[in-house]
Amino acid sequence: MTASDFQRSREFYRQALAPLGYGLLMEVPASVTGGADVAGFGEPPKPDFWVISGQPNHPPVHIAFRAATRAMVDAFHQAAITAGGRDNGGPGIRPHYHQNYYGAFVLDPDGHNIEAVCHQA
């Protein structure tokens, strides 16, 4: 995902994804990549979600992260709001997806819809 303010987005995702077990695992500056700052997040040992400096995606994208428990979804939502995200649907059951779909939605600094979802009862 490309972010208009790399430092702000990196910090947002560092805080918002921590309750899901994701951490900042790799960072490569523009001086090394030849054009963009890059931050890789994930569960150790390998990143699987990347934030890149530059012109943000338009239209904004929707990215969902799987959470093992509903408590993790709640913690993600709180952490993301605390980190400067905007509420786009608080934690709760979304029965129109399926009976155990428990999700929360937050808009990141560039307006992308970031979700944490638990599929367990």
PDB file of N, CA and C in Angstrom:
ATOM      1  N   MET A   1       0.839  -1.153   0.000  1.00  0.00           N
ATOM      2  CA  MET A   1       0.000   0.000   0.000  1.00  0.00           C
ATOM      3  C   MET A   1       0.893   1.226   0.000  1.00  0.00           C
ATOM      4  N   THR A   2       0.555   2.182  -0.812  1.00  0.00           N
ATOM      5  CA  THR A   2       1.338   3.407  -0.894  1.00  0.00           C
ATOM      6  C   THR A   2       0.711   4.474  -0.001  1.00  0.00           C
ATOM      7  N   ALA A   3       1.564   5.182   0.744  1.00  0.00           N
ATOM      8  CA  ALA A   3       1.111   6.159   1.734  1.00  0.00           C
ATOM      9  C   ALA A   3       1.669   7.541   1.428  1.00  0.00           C
ATOM     10  N   SER A   4       0.828   8.552   1.587  1.00  0.00           N
ATOM     11  CA  SER A   4       1.246   9.928   1.308  1.00  0.00           C
ATOM     12  C   SER A   4       2.232  10.456   2.342  1.00  0.00           C
ATOM     13  N   ASP A   5       2.089  10.047   3.584  1.00  0.00           N
ATOM     14  CA  ASP A   5       2.991  10.447   4.666  1.00  0.00           C
ATOM     15  C   ASP A   5       3.541   9.161   5.279  1.00  0.00           C
ATOM     16  N   PHE A   6       4.689   8.745   4.774  1.00  0.00           N
ATOM     17  CA  PHE A   6       5.249   7.451   5.151  1.00  0.00           C
ATOM     18  C   PHE A   6       5.426   7.304   6.656  1.00  0.00           C
ATOM     19  N   GLN A   7       6.037   8.289   7.311  1.00  0.00           N
ATOM     20  CA  GLN A   7       6.303   8.182   8.747  1.00  0.00           C
ATOM     21  C   GLN A   7       5.003   8.053   9.536  1.00  0.00           C
ATOM     22  N   ARG A   8       4.022   8.851   9.180  1.00  0.00           N
ATOM     23  CA  ARG A   8       2.727   8.803   9.873  1.00  0.00           C
ATOM     24  C   ARG A   8       2.053   7.445   9.676  1.00  0.00           C
ATOM     25  N   SER A   9       2.048   6.955   8.453  1.00  0.00           N
ATOM     26  CA  SER A   9       1.417   5.660   8.177  1.00  0.00           C
ATOM     27  C   SER A   9       2.183   4.517   8.823  1.00  0.00           C
ATOM     28  N   ARG A  10       3.502   4.582   8.784  1.00  0.00           N
ATOM     29  CA  ARG A  10       4.307   3.540   9.438  1.00  0.00           C
ATOM     30  C   ARG A  10       3.965   3.455  10.913  1.00  0.00           C
ATOM     31  N   GLU A  11       3.870   4.591  11.570  1.00  0.00           N
ATOM     32  CA  GLU A  11       3.548   4.608  12.997  1.00  0.00           C
ATOM     33  C   GLU A  11       2.107   4.157  13.237  1.00  0.00           C
ATOM     34  N   PHE A  12       1.183   4.573  12.398  1.00  0.00           N
ATOM     35  CA  PHE A  12      -0.206   4.125  12.520  1.00  0.00           C
ATOM     36  C   PHE A  12      -0.269   2.602  12.475  1.00  0.00           C
ATOM     37  N   TYR A  13       0.336   1.994  11.456  1.00  0.00           N
ATOM     38  CA  TYR A  13       0.279   0.541  11.312  1.00  0.00           C
ATOM     39  C   TYR A  13       1.065  -0.175  12.413  1.00  0.00           C
ATOM     40  N   ARG A  14       2.146   0.412  12.865  1.00  0.00           N
ATOM     41  CA  ARG A  14       2.902  -0.202  13.957  1.00  0.00           C
ATOM     42  C   ARG A  14       2.001  -0.349  15.185  1.00  0.00           C
ATOM     43  N   GLN A  15       1.251   0.685  15.503  1.00  0.00           N
ATOM     44  CA  GLN A  15       0.373   0.649  16.673  1.00  0.00           C
ATOM     45  C   GLN A  15      -0.893  -0.173  16.417  1.00  0.00           C
ATOM     46  N   ALA A  16      -1.532   0.052  15.278  1.00  0.00           N
ATOM     47  CA  ALA A  16      -2.817  -0.584  14.993  1.00  0.00           C
ATOM     48  C   ALA A  16      -2.712  -2.098  14.849  1.00  0.00           C
ATOM     49  N   LEU A  17      -1.616  -2.578  14.263  1.00  0.00           N
ATOM     50  CA  LEU A  17      -1.490  -4.014  13.999  1.00  0.00           C
ATOM     51  C   LEU A  17      -0.872  -4.796  15.156  1.00  0.00           C
ATOM     52  N   ALA A  18      -0.317  -4.103  16.133  1.00  0.00           N
ATOM     53  CA  ALA A  18       0.320  -4.790  17.267  1.00  0.00           C
ATOM     54  C   ALA A  18      -0.624  -5.763  17.981  1.00  0.00           C
ATOM     55  N   PRO A  19      -1.892  -5.410  18.239  1.00  0.00           N
ATOM     56  CA  PRO A  19      -2.776  -6.359  18.907  1.00  0.00           C
ATOM     57  C   PRO A  19      -3.040  -7.634  18.107  1.00  0.00           C
ATOM     58  N   LEU A  20      -2.753  -7.600  16.815  1.00  0.00           N
ATOM     59  CA  LEU A  20      -2.944  -8.772  15.961  1.00  0.00           C
ATOM     60  C   LEU A  20      -1.680  -9.618  15.862  1.00  0.00           C
ATOM     61  N   GLY A  21      -0.640  -9.217  16.591  1.00  0.00           N
ATOM     62  CA  GLY A  21       0.621  -9.953  16.556  1.00  0.00           C
ATOM     63  C   GLY A  21       1.555  -9.512  15.451  1.00  0.00           C
ATOM     64  N   TYR A  22       1.200  -8.446  14.751  1.00  0.00           N
ATOM     65  CA  TYR A  22       2.034  -7.912  13.677  1.00  0.00           C
ATOM     66  C   TYR A  22       2.997  -6.881  14.244  1.00  0.00           C
ATOM     67  N   GLY A  23       4.201  -6.895  13.728  1.00  0.00           N
ATOM     68  CA  GLY A  23       5.194  -5.913  14.099  1.00  0.00           C
ATOM     69  C   GLY A  23       5.914  -5.398  12.866  1.00  0.00           C
ATOM     70  N   LEU A  24       6.654  -4.329  13.053  1.00  0.00           N
ATOM     71  CA  LEU A  24       7.496  -3.785  11.985  1.00  0.00           C
ATOM     72  C   LEU A  24       8.733  -4.674  11.907  1.00  0.00           C
ATOM     73  N   LEU A  25       8.842  -5.458  10.846  1.00  0.00           N
ATOM     74  CA  LEU A  25       9.917  -6.444  10.723  1.00  0.00           C
ATOM     75  C   LEU A  25      11.040  -6.018   9.802  1.00  0.00           C
ATOM     76  N   MET A  26      10.750  -5.052   8.919  1.00  0.00           N
ATOM     77  CA  MET A  26      11.780  -4.638   7.966  1.00  0.00           C
ATOM     78  C   MET A  26      11.502  -3.195   7.558  1.00  0.00           C
ATOM     79  N   GLU A  27      12.574  -2.437   7.423  1.00  0.00           N
ATOM     80  CA  GLU A  27      12.448  -1.078   6.928  1.00  0.00           C
ATOM     81  C   GLU A  27      13.628  -0.792   6.015  1.00  0.00           C
ATOM     82  N   VAL A  28      13.324  -0.254   4.843  1.00  0.00           N
ATOM     83  CA  VAL A  28      14.359   0.047   3.861  1.00  0.00           C
ATOM     84  C   VAL A  28      14.149   1.490   3.394  1.00  0.00           C
ATOM     85  N   PRO A  29      15.149   2.358   3.580  1.00  0.00           N
ATOM     86  CA  PRO A  29      14.987   3.758   3.192  1.00  0.00           C
ATOM     87  C   PRO A  29      15.088   3.954   1.676  1.00  0.00           C
ATOM     88  N   ALA A  30      14.577   5.093   1.230  1.00  0.00           N
ATOM     89  CA  ALA A  30      14.618   5.438  -0.195  1.00  0.00           C
ATOM     90  C   ALA A  30      16.045   5.456  -0.729  1.00  0.00           C
ATOM     91  N   SER A  31      17.008   5.787   0.125  1.00  0.00           N
ATOM     92  CA  SER A  31      18.402   5.818  -0.320  1.00  0.00           C
ATOM     93  C   SER A  31      18.897   4.435  -0.744  1.00  0.00           C
ATOM     94  N   VAL A  32      18.257   3.396  -0.250  1.00  0.00           N
ATOM     95  CA  VAL A  32      18.635   2.032  -0.625  1.00  0.00           C
ATOM     96  C   VAL A  32      17.768   1.522  -1.774  1.00  0.00           C
ATOM     97  N   THR A  33      16.458   1.815  -1.721  1.00  0.00           N
ATOM     98  CA  THR A  33      15.563   1.313  -2.771  1.00  0.00           C
ATOM     99  C   THR A  33      15.686   2.091  -4.069  1.00  0.00           C
ATOM    100  N   GLY A  34      16.201   3.312  -3.967  1.00  0.00           N
ATOM    101  CA  GLY A  34      16.335   4.132  -5.151  1.00  0.00           C
ATOM    102  C   GLY A  34      15.104   4.970  -5.459  1.00  0.00           C
ATOM    103  N   GLY A  35      14.135   4.989  -4.533  1.00  0.00           N
ATOM    104  CA  GLY A  35      12.970   5.810  -4.827  1.00  0.00           C
ATOM    105  C   GLY A  35      11.965   5.965  -3.727  1.00  0.00           C
ATOM    106  N   ALA A  36      11.757   4.955  -2.917  1.00  0.00           N
ATOM    107  CA  ALA A  36      10.692   5.016  -1.913  1.00  0.00           C
ATOM    108  C   ALA A  36      11.146   4.400  -0.603  1.00  0.00           C
ATOM    109  N   ASP A  37      10.647   4.973   0.490  1.00  0.00           N
ATOM    110  CA  ASP A  37      10.816   4.330   1.794  1.00  0.00           C
ATOM    111  C   ASP A  37       9.840   3.166   1.847  1.00  0.00           C
ATOM    112  N   VAL A  38      10.258   2.072   2.480  1.00  0.00           N
ATOM    113  CA  VAL A  38       9.445   0.863   2.538  1.00  0.00           C
ATOM    114  C   VAL A  38       9.476   0.310   3.951  1.00  0.00           C
ATOM    115  N   ALA A  39       8.301  -0.092   4.459  1.00  0.00           N
ATOM    116  CA  ALA A  39       8.200  -0.742   5.764  1.00  0.00           C
ATOM    117  C   ALA A  39       7.403  -2.027   5.608  1.00  0.00           C
ATOM    118  N   GLY A  40       7.944  -3.115   6.139  1.00  0.00           N
ATOM    119  CA  GLY A  40       7.282  -4.410   6.061  1.00  0.00           C
ATOM    120  C   GLY A  40       6.803  -4.862   7.430  1.00  0.00           C
ATOM    121  N   PHE A  41       5.522  -5.187   7.524  1.00  0.00           N
ATOM    122  CA  PHE A  41       4.902  -5.637   8.773  1.00  0.00           C
ATOM    123  C   PHE A  41       4.477  -7.089   8.642  1.00  0.00           C
ATOM    124  N   GLY A  42       4.454  -7.779   9.762  1.00  0.00           N
ATOM    125  CA  GLY A  42       3.978  -9.159   9.751  1.00  0.00           C
ATOM    126  C   GLY A  42       4.250  -9.828  11.063  1.00  0.00           C
ATOM    127  N   GLU A  43       3.977 -11.126  11.069  1.00  0.00           N
ATOM    128  CA  GLU A  43       4.322 -11.958  12.204  1.00  0.00           C
ATOM    129  C   GLU A  43       5.705 -12.524  11.914  1.00  0.00           C
ATOM    130  N   PRO A  44       6.595 -12.492  12.883  1.00  0.00           N
ATOM    131  CA  PRO A  44       7.946 -12.990  12.630  1.00  0.00           C
ATOM    132  C   PRO A  44       7.909 -14.404  12.058  1.00  0.00           C
ATOM    133  N   PRO A  45       8.783 -14.713  11.133  1.00  0.00           N
ATOM    134  CA  PRO A  45       9.981 -13.967  10.778  1.00  0.00           C
ATOM    135  C   PRO A  45       9.848 -13.120   9.516  1.00  0.00           C
ATOM    136  N   LYS A  46       8.698 -13.196   8.788  1.00  0.00           N
ATOM    137  CA  LYS A  46       8.647 -12.527   7.480  1.00  0.00           C
ATOM    138  C   LYS A  46       7.493 -11.530   7.402  1.00  0.00           C
ATOM    139  N   PRO A  47       7.760 -10.352   6.823  1.00  0.00           N
ATOM    140  CA  PRO A  47       6.676  -9.397   6.593  1.00  0.00           C
ATOM    141  C   PRO A  47       5.785  -9.854   5.440  1.00  0.00           C
ATOM    142  N   ASP A  48       4.493  -9.530   5.550  1.00  0.00           N
ATOM    143  CA  ASP A  48       3.575  -9.825   4.450  1.00  0.00           C
ATOM    144  C   ASP A  48       2.642  -8.653   4.137  1.00  0.00           C
ATOM    145  N   PHE A  49       2.845  -7.532   4.825  1.00  0.00           N
ATOM    146  CA  PHE A  49       2.092  -6.309   4.545  1.00  0.00           C
ATOM    147  C   PHE A  49       3.100  -5.177   4.432  1.00  0.00           C
ATOM    148  N   TRP A  50       3.053  -4.460   3.300  1.00  0.00           N
ATOM    149  CA  TRP A  50       4.068  -3.453   3.011  1.00  0.00           C
ATOM    150  C   TRP A  50       3.451  -2.074   2.855  1.00  0.00           C
ATOM    151  N   VAL A  51       4.112  -1.075   3.439  1.00  0.00           N
ATOM    152  CA  VAL A  51       3.750   0.325   3.278  1.00  0.00           C
ATOM    153  C   VAL A  51       4.904   0.993   2.551  1.00  0.00           C
ATOM    154  N   ILE A  52       4.568   1.751   1.500  1.00  0.00           N
ATOM    155  CA  ILE A  52       5.568   2.374   0.637  1.00  0.00           C
ATOM    156  C   ILE A  52       5.254   3.863   0.530  1.00  0.00           C
ATOM    157  N   SER A  53       6.273   4.694   0.577  1.00  0.00           N
ATOM    158  CA  SER A  53       6.049   6.134   0.439  1.00  0.00           C
ATOM    159  C   SER A  53       5.701   6.474  -1.006  1.00  0.00           C
ATOM    160  N   GLY A  54       4.801   7.433  -1.167  1.00  0.00           N
ATOM    161  CA  GLY A  54       4.440   7.873  -2.504  1.00  0.00           C
ATOM    162  C   GLY A  54       3.001   8.325  -2.597  1.00  0.00           C
ATOM    163  N   GLN A  55       2.497   8.364  -3.800  1.00  0.00           N
ATOM    164  CA  GLN A  55       1.110   8.764  -4.050  1.00  0.00           C
ATOM    165  C   GLN A  55       0.187   7.626  -3.613  1.00  0.00           C
ATOM    166  N   PRO A  56      -0.754   7.894  -2.692  1.00  0.00           N
ATOM    167  CA  PRO A  56      -1.614   6.814  -2.197  1.00  0.00           C
ATOM    168  C   PRO A  56      -2.543   6.248  -3.265  1.00  0.00           C
ATOM    169  N   ASN A  57      -2.935   5.008  -3.062  1.00  0.00           N
ATOM    170  CA  ASN A  57      -3.870   4.338  -3.953  1.00  0.00           C
ATOM    171  C   ASN A  57      -5.193   5.095  -3.996  1.00  0.00           C
ATOM    172  N   HIS A  58      -5.721   5.270  -5.209  1.00  0.00           N
ATOM    173  CA  HIS A  58      -7.048   5.862  -5.371  1.00  0.00           C
ATOM    174  C   HIS A  58      -7.784   5.050  -6.411  1.00  0.00           C
ATOM    175  N   PRO A  59      -8.973   4.585  -6.120  1.00  0.00           N
ATOM    176  CA  PRO A  59      -9.679   4.820  -4.871  1.00  0.00           C
ATOM    177  C   PRO A  59      -9.000   4.077  -3.724  1.00  0.00           C
ATOM    178  N   PRO A  60      -9.320   4.485  -2.484  1.00  0.00           N
ATOM    179  CA  PRO A  60      -8.751   3.787  -1.331  1.00  0.00           C
ATOM    180  C   PRO A  60      -9.099   2.300  -1.370  1.00  0.00           C
ATOM    181  N   VAL A  61      -8.258   1.496  -0.756  1.00  0.00           N
ATOM    182  CA  VAL A  61      -8.449   0.047  -0.758  1.00  0.00           C
ATOM    183  C   VAL A  61      -9.021  -0.429   0.573  1.00  0.00           C
ATOM    184  N   HIS A  62      -9.490  -1.670   0.581  1.00  0.00           N
ATOM    185  CA  HIS A  62      -9.972  -2.333   1.791  1.00  0.00           C
ATOM    186  C   HIS A  62      -9.055  -3.523   2.042  1.00  0.00           C
ATOM    187  N   ILE A  63      -8.442  -3.551   3.225  1.00  0.00           N
ATOM    188  CA  ILE A  63      -7.553  -4.648   3.602  1.00  0.00           C
ATOM    189  C   ILE A  63      -8.072  -5.246   4.898  1.00  0.00           C
ATOM    190  N   ALA A  64      -8.212  -6.565   4.931  1.00  0.00           N
ATOM    191  CA  ALA A  64      -8.682  -7.256   6.131  1.00  0.00           C
ATOM    192  C   ALA A  64      -7.563  -8.122   6.698  1.00  0.00           C
ATOM    193  N   PHE A  65      -7.400  -8.042   8.013  1.00  0.00           N
ATOM    194  CA  PHE A  65      -6.445  -8.870   8.740  1.00  0.00           C
ATOM    195  C   PHE A  65      -7.235  -9.835   9.609  1.00  0.00           C
ATOM    196  N   ARG A  66      -6.871 -11.103   9.577  1.00  0.00           N
ATOM    197  CA  ARG A  66      -7.556 -12.113  10.381  1.00  0.00           C
ATOM    198  C   ARG A  66      -7.062 -12.046  11.819  1.00  0.00           C
ATOM    199  N   ALA A  67      -8.010 -12.107  12.738  1.00  0.00           N
ATOM    200  CA  ALA A  67      -7.713 -12.121  14.167  1.00  0.00           C
ATOM    201  C   ALA A  67      -8.162 -13.461  14.744  1.00  0.00           C
ATOM    202  N   ALA A  68      -7.399 -13.994  15.673  1.00  0.00           N
ATOM    203  CA  ALA A  68      -7.714 -15.294  16.264  1.00  0.00           C
ATOM    204  C   ALA A  68      -8.887 -15.215  17.234  1.00  0.00           C
ATOM    205  N   THR A  69      -9.079 -14.045  17.853  1.00  0.00           N
ATOM    206  CA  THR A  69     -10.145 -13.899  18.846  1.00  0.00           C
ATOM    207  C   THR A  69     -10.877 -12.575  18.647  1.00  0.00           C
ATOM    208  N   ARG A  70     -12.062 -12.516  19.206  1.00  0.00           N
ATOM    209  CA  ARG A  70     -12.827 -11.272  19.163  1.00  0.00           C
ATOM    210  C   ARG A  70     -12.144 -10.193  20.004  1.00  0.00           C
ATOM    211  N   ALA A  71     -11.506 -10.593  21.072  1.00  0.00           N
ATOM    212  CA  ALA A  71     -10.780  -9.631  21.910  1.00  0.00           C
ATOM    213  C   ALA A  71      -9.668  -8.958  21.105  1.00  0.00           C
ATOM    214  N   MET A  72      -9.046  -9.678  20.206  1.00  0.00           N
ATOM    215  CA  MET A  72      -8.009  -9.091  19.351  1.00  0.00           C
ATOM    216  C   MET A  72      -8.611  -8.061  18.403  1.00  0.00           C
ATOM    217  N   VAL A  73      -9.815  -8.326  17.901  1.00  0.00           N
ATOM    218  CA  VAL A  73     -10.504  -7.362  17.042  1.00  0.00           C
ATOM    219  C   VAL A  73     -10.776  -6.081  17.828  1.00  0.00           C
ATOM    220  N   ASP A  74     -11.287  -6.244  19.052  1.00  0.00           N
ATOM    221  CA  ASP A  74     -11.556  -5.087  19.912  1.00  0.00           C
ATOM    222  C   ASP A  74     -10.274  -4.287  20.160  1.00  0.00           C
ATOM    223  N   ALA A  75      -9.192  -4.989  20.462  1.00  0.00           N
ATOM    224  CA  ALA A  75      -7.911  -4.325  20.759  1.00  0.00           C
ATOM    225  C   ALA A  75      -7.361  -3.624  19.520  1.00  0.00           C
ATOM    226  N   PHE A  76      -7.500  -4.246  18.355  1.00  0.00           N
ATOM    227  CA  PHE A  76      -7.093  -3.605  17.098  1.00  0.00           C
ATOM    228  C   PHE A  76      -7.842  -2.288  16.909  1.00  0.00           C
ATOM    229  N   HIS A  77      -9.159  -2.328  17.077  1.00  0.00           N
ATOM    230  CA  HIS A  77      -9.967  -1.127  16.856  1.00  0.00           C
ATOM    231  C   HIS A  77      -9.527  -0.006  17.788  1.00  0.00           C
ATOM    232  N   GLN A  78      -9.352  -0.316  19.061  1.00  0.00           N
ATOM    233  CA  GLN A  78      -8.933   0.700  20.027  1.00  0.00           C
ATOM    234  C   GLN A  78      -7.539   1.240  19.688  1.00  0.00           C
ATOM    235  N   ALA A  79      -6.611   0.349  19.361  1.00  0.00           N
ATOM    236  CA  ALA A  79      -5.243   0.771  19.030  1.00  0.00           C
ATOM    237  C   ALA A  79      -5.229   1.640  17.775  1.00  0.00           C
ATOM    238  N   ALA A  80      -6.022   1.271  16.781  1.00  0.00           N
ATOM    239  CA  ALA A  80      -6.057   2.035  15.535  1.00  0.00           C
ATOM    240  C   ALA A  80      -6.654   3.421  15.751  1.00  0.00           C
ATOM    241  N   ILE A  81      -7.687   3.528  16.562  1.00  0.00           N
ATOM    242  CA  ILE A  81      -8.278   4.830  16.871  1.00  0.00           C
ATOM    243  C   ILE A  81      -7.275   5.675  17.652  1.00  0.00           C
ATOM    244  N   THR A  82      -6.622   5.078  18.631  1.00  0.00           N
ATOM    245  CA  THR A  82      -5.614   5.779  19.431  1.00  0.00           C
ATOM    246  C   THR A  82      -4.468   6.264  18.550  1.00  0.00           C
ATOM    247  N   ALA A  83      -4.142   5.496  17.506  1.00  0.00           N
ATOM    248  CA  ALA A  83      -3.044   5.850  16.602  1.00  0.00           C
ATOM    249  C   ALA A  83      -3.448   6.898  15.565  1.00  0.00           C
ATOM    250  N   GLY A  84      -4.687   7.356  15.611  1.00  0.00           N
ATOM    251  CA  GLY A  84      -5.116   8.406  14.693  1.00  0.00           C
ATOM    252  C   GLY A  84      -6.045   7.959  13.587  1.00  0.00           C
ATOM    253  N   GLY A  85      -6.439   6.686  13.604  1.00  0.00           N
ATOM    254  CA  GLY A  85      -7.396   6.214  12.611  1.00  0.00           C
ATOM    255  C   GLY A  85      -8.788   6.756  12.901  1.00  0.00           C
ATOM    256  N   ARG A  86      -9.645   6.692  11.898  1.00  0.00           N
ATOM    257  CA  ARG A  86     -11.032   7.140  12.054  1.00  0.00           C
ATOM    258  C   ARG A  86     -11.956   5.936  12.027  1.00  0.00           C
ATOM    259  N   ASP A  87     -12.865   5.888  12.976  1.00  0.00           N
ATOM    260  CA  ASP A  87     -13.812   4.783  13.069  1.00  0.00           C
ATOM    261  C   ASP A  87     -14.613   4.661  11.779  1.00  0.00           C
ATOM    262  N   ASN A  88     -14.712   3.428  11.283  1.00  0.00           N
ATOM    263  CA  ASN A  88     -15.507   3.162  10.091  1.00  0.00           C
ATOM    264  C   ASN A  88     -16.418   1.959  10.334  1.00  0.00           C
ATOM    265  N   GLY A  89     -16.660   1.661  11.608  1.00  0.00           N
ATOM    266  CA  GLY A  89     -17.509   0.536  11.995  1.00  0.00           C
ATOM    267  C   GLY A  89     -16.895  -0.176  13.173  1.00  0.00           C
ATOM    268  N   GLY A  90     -17.416   0.092  14.357  1.00  0.00           N
ATOM    269  CA  GLY A  90     -16.861  -0.487  15.574  1.00  0.00           C
ATOM    270  C   GLY A  90     -17.001  -1.993  15.627  1.00  0.00           C
ATOM    271  N   PRO A  91     -16.319  -2.618  16.582  1.00  0.00           N
ATOM    272  CA  PRO A  91     -16.354  -4.069  16.705  1.00  0.00           C
ATOM    273  C   PRO A  91     -17.771  -4.606  16.878  1.00  0.00           C
ATOM    274  N   GLY A  92     -18.057  -5.683  16.169  1.00  0.00           N
ATOM    275  CA  GLY A  92     -19.362  -6.315  16.317  1.00  0.00           C
ATOM    276  C   GLY A  92     -19.589  -7.393  15.285  1.00  0.00           C
ATOM    277  N   ILE A  93     -20.689  -8.112  15.497  1.00  0.00           N
ATOM    278  CA  ILE A  93     -21.102  -9.169  14.580  1.00  0.00           C
ATOM    279  C   ILE A  93     -21.628  -8.530  13.296  1.00  0.00           C
ATOM    280  N   ARG A  94     -21.250  -9.108  12.185  1.00  0.00           N
ATOM    281  CA  ARG A  94     -21.747  -8.685  10.871  1.00  0.00           C
ATOM    282  C   ARG A  94     -22.476  -9.889  10.266  1.00  0.00           C
ATOM    283  N   PRO A  95     -23.732 -10.138  10.685  1.00  0.00           N
ATOM    284  CA  PRO A  95     -24.438 -11.355  10.266  1.00  0.00           C
ATOM    285  C   PRO A  95     -24.717 -11.424   8.772  1.00  0.00           C
ATOM    286  N   HIS A  96     -24.652 -10.301   8.066  1.00  0.00           N
ATOM    287  CA  HIS A  96     -24.867 -10.340   6.623  1.00  0.00           C
ATOM    288  C   HIS A  96     -23.702 -11.022   5.901  1.00  0.00           C
ATOM    289  N   TYR A  97     -22.550 -11.181   6.579  1.00  0.00           N
ATOM    290  CA  TYR A  97     -21.443 -11.960   6.009  1.00  0.00           C
ATOM    291  C   TYR A  97     -21.584 -13.424   6.409  1.00  0.00           C
ATOM    292  N   HIS A  98     -21.647 -13.695   7.707  1.00  0.00           N
ATOM    293  CA  HIS A  98     -22.013 -15.003   8.253  1.00  0.00           C
ATOM    294  C   HIS A  98     -22.217 -14.844   9.753  1.00  0.00           C
ATOM    295  N   GLN A  99     -22.787 -15.851  10.394  1.00  0.00           N
ATOM    296  CA  GLN A  99     -23.230 -15.704  11.781  1.00  0.00           C
ATOM    297  C   GLN A  99     -22.107 -15.432  12.778  1.00  0.00           C
ATOM    298  N   ASN A 100     -20.879 -15.803  12.474  1.00  0.00           N
ATOM    299  CA  ASN A 100     -19.771 -15.588  13.403  1.00  0.00           C
ATOM    300  C   ASN A 100     -18.791 -14.512  12.942  1.00  0.00           C
ATOM    301  N   TYR A 101     -19.156 -13.738  11.935  1.00  0.00           N
ATOM    302  CA  TYR A 101     -18.257 -12.708  11.401  1.00  0.00           C
ATOM    303  C   TYR A 101     -18.219 -11.542  12.378  1.00  0.00           C
ATOM    304  N   TYR A 102     -17.097 -11.421  13.095  1.00  0.00           N
ATOM    305  CA  TYR A 102     -16.919 -10.353  14.085  1.00  0.00           C
ATOM    306  C   TYR A 102     -15.800  -9.462  13.586  1.00  0.00           C
ATOM    307  N   GLY A 103     -16.148  -8.243  13.200  1.00  0.00           N
ATOM    308  CA  GLY A 103     -15.142  -7.373  12.606  1.00  0.00           C
ATOM    309  C   GLY A 103     -15.202  -5.956  13.131  1.00  0.00           C
ATOM    310  N   ALA A 104     -14.146  -5.212  12.839  1.00  0.00           N
ATOM    311  CA  ALA A 104     -14.053  -3.788  13.147  1.00  0.00           C
ATOM    312  C   ALA A 104     -13.328  -3.119  11.994  1.00  0.00           C
ATOM    313  N   PHE A 105     -13.722  -1.883  11.697  1.00  0.00           N
ATOM    314  CA  PHE A 105     -13.211  -1.164  10.542  1.00  0.00           C
ATOM    315  C   PHE A 105     -12.710   0.213  10.959  1.00  0.00           C
ATOM    316  N   VAL A 106     -11.541   0.591  10.420  1.00  0.00           N
ATOM    317  CA  VAL A 106     -10.938   1.889  10.711  1.00  0.00           C
ATOM    318  C   VAL A 106     -10.365   2.435   9.406  1.00  0.00           C
ATOM    319  N   LEU A 107     -10.487   3.739   9.217  1.00  0.00           N
ATOM    320  CA  LEU A 107      -9.849   4.381   8.071  1.00  0.00           C
ATOM    321  C   LEU A 107      -8.454   4.827   8.479  1.00  0.00           C
ATOM    322  N   ASP A 108      -7.461   4.449   7.683  1.00  0.00           N
ATOM    323  CA  ASP A 108      -6.068   4.818   7.979  1.00  0.00           C
ATOM    324  C   ASP A 108      -5.824   6.277   7.590  1.00  0.00           C
ATOM    325  N   PRO A 109      -4.611   6.805   7.760  1.00  0.00           N
ATOM    326  CA  PRO A 109      -4.353   8.214   7.461  1.00  0.00           C
ATOM    327  C   PRO A 109      -4.669   8.645   6.022  1.00  0.00           C
ATOM    328  N   ASP A 110      -4.666   7.709   5.068  1.00  0.00           N
ATOM    329  CA  ASP A 110      -4.993   8.043   3.690  1.00  0.00           C
ATOM    330  C   ASP A 110      -6.417   7.639   3.306  1.00  0.00           C
ATOM    331  N   GLY A 111      -7.215   7.212   4.278  1.00  0.00           N
ATOM    332  CA  GLY A 111      -8.602   6.859   4.009  1.00  0.00           C
ATOM    333  C   GLY A 111      -8.847   5.437   3.572  1.00  0.00           C
ATOM    334  N   HIS A 112      -7.835   4.572   3.656  1.00  0.00           N
ATOM    335  CA  HIS A 112      -8.023   3.164   3.325  1.00  0.00           C
ATOM    336  C   HIS A 112      -8.798   2.477   4.451  1.00  0.00           C
ATOM    337  N   ASN A 113      -9.691   1.568   4.087  1.00  0.00           N
ATOM    338  CA  ASN A 113     -10.527   0.854   5.047  1.00  0.00           C
ATOM    339  C   ASN A 113      -9.760  -0.376   5.547  1.00  0.00           C
ATOM    340  N   ILE A 114      -9.342  -0.329   6.800  1.00  0.00           N
ATOM    341  CA  ILE A 114      -8.555  -1.407   7.396  1.00  0.00           C
ATOM    342  C   ILE A 114      -9.445  -2.157   8.376  1.00  0.00           C
ATOM    343  N   GLU A 115      -9.474  -3.461   8.245  1.00  0.00           N
ATOM    344  CA  GLU A 115     -10.377  -4.301   9.027  1.00  0.00           C
ATOM    345  C   GLU A 115      -9.612  -5.376   9.780  1.00  0.00           C
ATOM    346  N   ALA A 116     -10.099  -5.682  10.956  1.00  0.00           N
ATOM    347  CA  ALA A 116      -9.684  -6.903  11.651  1.00  0.00           C
ATOM    348  C   ALA A 116     -10.943  -7.745  11.789  1.00  0.00           C
ATOM    349  N   VAL A 117     -10.819  -9.046  11.511  1.00  0.00           N
ATOM    350  CA  VAL A 117     -11.981  -9.921  11.543  1.00  0.00           C
ATOM    351  C   VAL A 117     -11.634 -11.249  12.204  1.00  0.00           C
ATOM    352  N   CYS A 118     -12.581 -11.712  13.027  1.00  0.00           N
ATOM    353  CA  CYS A 118     -12.503 -13.038  13.641  1.00  0.00           C
ATOM    354  C   CYS A 118     -13.694 -13.836  13.146  1.00  0.00           C
ATOM    355  N   HIS A 119     -13.453 -15.054  12.714  1.00  0.00           N
ATOM    356  CA  HIS A 119     -14.519 -15.908  12.193  1.00  0.00           C
ATOM    357  C   HIS A 119     -14.986 -16.946  13.210  1.00  0.00           C
ATOM    358  N   GLN A 120     -14.466 -16.905  14.425  1.00  0.00           N
ATOM    359  CA  GLN A 120     -14.799 -17.882  15.457  1.00  0.00           C
ATOM    360  C   GLN A 120     -16.015 -17.439  16.256  1.00  0.00           C
ATOM    361  N   ALA A 121     -16.777 -18.395  16.729  1.00  0.00           N
ATOM    362  CA  ALA A 121     -17.954 -18.090  17.577  1.00  0.00           C
ATOM    363  C   ALA A 121     -17.500 -17.524  18.912  1.00  0.00           C
TER     364      ALA A 121
END
